[in-house]
Amino acid sequence: MGGLARNFVSEHFTTENYVATYSGSFSPVGHEAYWPSPSFIMRSNEFYRRPNRQRTTRVTNEMDRGPAVYGLACGLCRQT
């Protein structure tokens, strides 16, 4: 079976690339008082949301649908 592990692993996962990724320096963000003023009006989600809608920040996917959703019948012919 033999062989070097590096033959089976992408070069993106080498120690050299890991060190190169995190070797740069980050400049800290200054205090909010020194930020430039935006050239647009920022509106909250409350502005776009219709009344009586549930408040959620979670993105739903196919795992969130219950088994009842998959067994719904057609409104015209009542076939599933």
C-alpha atoms as a PDB file:
ATOM      1  CA  MET A   1       0.000   0.000   0.000  1.00  0.00           C
ATOM      2  CA  GLY A   2       2.746   2.479   0.922  1.00  0.00           C
ATOM      3  CA  GLY A   3       3.071   5.964  -0.405  1.00  0.00           C
ATOM      4  CA  LEU A   4       3.520   9.386   1.035  1.00  0.00           C
ATOM      5  CA  ALA A   5       0.567  11.071   2.705  1.00  0.00           C
ATOM      6  CA  ARG A   6       1.230  14.251   0.724  1.00  0.00           C
ATOM      7  CA  ASN A   7       0.290  12.382  -2.447  1.00  0.00           C
ATOM      8  CA  PHE A   8      -3.264  11.990  -1.120  1.00  0.00           C
ATOM      9  CA  VAL A   9      -3.816  15.432   0.429  1.00  0.00           C
ATOM     10  CA  SER A  10      -4.332  18.714  -1.392  1.00  0.00           C
ATOM     11  CA  GLU A  11      -1.477  21.213  -1.231  1.00  0.00           C
ATOM     12  CA  HIS A  12      -3.909  23.685   0.383  1.00  0.00           C
ATOM     13  CA  PHE A  13      -3.578  21.740   3.630  1.00  0.00           C
ATOM     14  CA  THR A  14       0.197  21.839   3.920  1.00  0.00           C
ATOM     15  CA  THR A  15       1.896  23.444   6.887  1.00  0.00           C
ATOM     16  CA  GLU A  16       3.567  25.964   4.600  1.00  0.00           C
ATOM     17  CA  ASN A  17       0.234  27.210   3.239  1.00  0.00           C
ATOM     18  CA  TYR A  18      -1.280  27.299   6.733  1.00  0.00           C
ATOM     19  CA  VAL A  19       1.581  29.452   8.018  1.00  0.00           C
ATOM     20  CA  ALA A  20       1.420  31.706   4.954  1.00  0.00           C
ATOM     21  CA  THR A  21      -2.314  32.235   5.446  1.00  0.00           C
ATOM     22  CA  TYR A  22      -1.993  33.465   9.022  1.00  0.00           C
ATOM     23  CA  SER A  23       1.384  35.202   8.755  1.00  0.00           C
ATOM     24  CA  GLY A  24      -0.081  38.554   7.667  1.00  0.00           C
ATOM     25  CA  SER A  25      -0.973  41.267  10.104  1.00  0.00           C
ATOM     26  CA  PHE A  26      -4.381  42.800  10.667  1.00  0.00           C
ATOM     27  CA  SER A  27      -4.900  46.490  11.255  1.00  0.00           C
ATOM     28  CA  PRO A  28      -7.333  47.141  14.088  1.00  0.00           C
ATOM     29  CA  VAL A  29     -10.505  49.019  13.262  1.00  0.00           C
ATOM     30  CA  GLY A  30     -10.618  52.458  14.808  1.00  0.00           C
ATOM     31  CA  HIS A  31     -13.309  53.741  17.135  1.00  0.00           C
ATOM     32  CA  GLU A  32     -16.754  54.235  15.615  1.00  0.00           C
ATOM     33  CA  ALA A  33     -16.468  57.992  16.147  1.00  0.00           C
ATOM     34  CA  TYR A  34     -13.763  58.118  13.454  1.00  0.00           C
ATOM     35  CA  TRP A  35     -15.702  56.161  10.797  1.00  0.00           C
ATOM     36  CA  PRO A  36     -16.875  58.107   7.741  1.00  0.00           C
ATOM     37  CA  SER A  37     -20.595  58.822   7.516  1.00  0.00           C
ATOM     38  CA  PRO A  38     -22.454  56.548   5.068  1.00  0.00           C
ATOM     39  CA  SER A  39     -23.812  58.144   1.901  1.00  0.00           C
ATOM     40  CA  PHE A  40     -27.070  56.185   2.191  1.00  0.00           C
ATOM     41  CA  ILE A  41     -29.820  55.668   4.730  1.00  0.00           C
ATOM     42  CA  MET A  42     -29.657  52.368   6.577  1.00  0.00           C
ATOM     43  CA  ARG A  43     -33.078  50.915   7.303  1.00  0.00           C
ATOM     44  CA  SER A  44     -33.795  48.026   9.615  1.00  0.00           C
ATOM     45  CA  ASN A  45     -35.533  44.816   8.618  1.00  0.00           C
ATOM     46  CA  GLU A  46     -38.633  46.091  10.389  1.00  0.00           C
ATOM     47  CA  PHE A  47     -39.151  48.473   7.460  1.00  0.00           C
ATOM     48  CA  TYR A  48     -39.333  45.671   4.900  1.00  0.00           C
ATOM     49  CA  ARG A  49     -41.210  43.089   6.963  1.00  0.00           C
ATOM     50  CA  ARG A  50     -44.986  42.889   6.688  1.00  0.00           C
ATOM     51  CA  PRO A  51     -47.061  43.164   9.859  1.00  0.00           C
ATOM     52  CA  ASN A  52     -47.895  39.930  11.719  1.00  0.00           C
ATOM     53  CA  ARG A  53     -44.947  38.043  10.210  1.00  0.00           C
ATOM     54  CA  GLN A  54     -42.838  35.847  12.451  1.00  0.00           C
ATOM     55  CA  ARG A  55     -39.476  37.281  13.360  1.00  0.00           C
ATOM     56  CA  THR A  56     -36.665  34.945  12.341  1.00  0.00           C
ATOM     57  CA  THR A  57     -33.051  35.316  11.381  1.00  0.00           C
ATOM     58  CA  ARG A  58     -32.522  31.654  10.589  1.00  0.00           C
ATOM     59  CA  VAL A  59     -32.380  30.464   6.996  1.00  0.00           C
ATOM     60  CA  THR A  60     -34.521  27.372   6.566  1.00  0.00           C
ATOM     61  CA  ASN A  61     -33.563  24.410   4.408  1.00  0.00           C
ATOM     62  CA  GLU A  62     -35.042  21.054   3.341  1.00  0.00           C
ATOM     63  CA  MET A  63     -34.356  19.504   6.759  1.00  0.00           C
ATOM     64  CA  ASP A  64     -36.817  21.931   8.367  1.00  0.00           C
ATOM     65  CA  ARG A  65     -39.797  20.603   6.439  1.00  0.00           C
ATOM     66  CA  GLY A  66     -41.731  18.015   8.380  1.00  0.00           C
ATOM     67  CA  PRO A  67     -42.876  14.690   6.962  1.00  0.00           C
ATOM     68  CA  ALA A  68     -46.384  16.104   6.449  1.00  0.00           C
ATOM     69  CA  VAL A  69     -45.080  18.455   3.756  1.00  0.00           C
ATOM     70  CA  TYR A  70     -43.908  15.543   1.626  1.00  0.00           C
ATOM     71  CA  GLY A  71     -47.251  13.728   1.864  1.00  0.00           C
ATOM     72  CA  LEU A  72     -49.510  16.616   0.843  1.00  0.00           C
ATOM     73  CA  ALA A  73     -52.110  15.828  -1.769  1.00  0.00           C
ATOM     74  CA  CYS A  74     -52.862  17.819  -4.898  1.00  0.00           C
ATOM     75  CA  GLY A  75     -55.698  20.307  -4.412  1.00  0.00           C
ATOM     76  CA  LEU A  76     -57.390  19.233  -7.660  1.00  0.00           C
ATOM     77  CA  CYS A  77     -56.971  15.478  -7.989  1.00  0.00           C
ATOM     78  CA  ARG A  78     -55.994  14.584  -4.382  1.00  0.00           C
ATOM     79  CA  GLN A  79     -53.000  12.541  -5.535  1.00  0.00           C
ATOM     80  CA  THR A  80     -49.720  12.736  -3.680  1.00  0.00           C
END
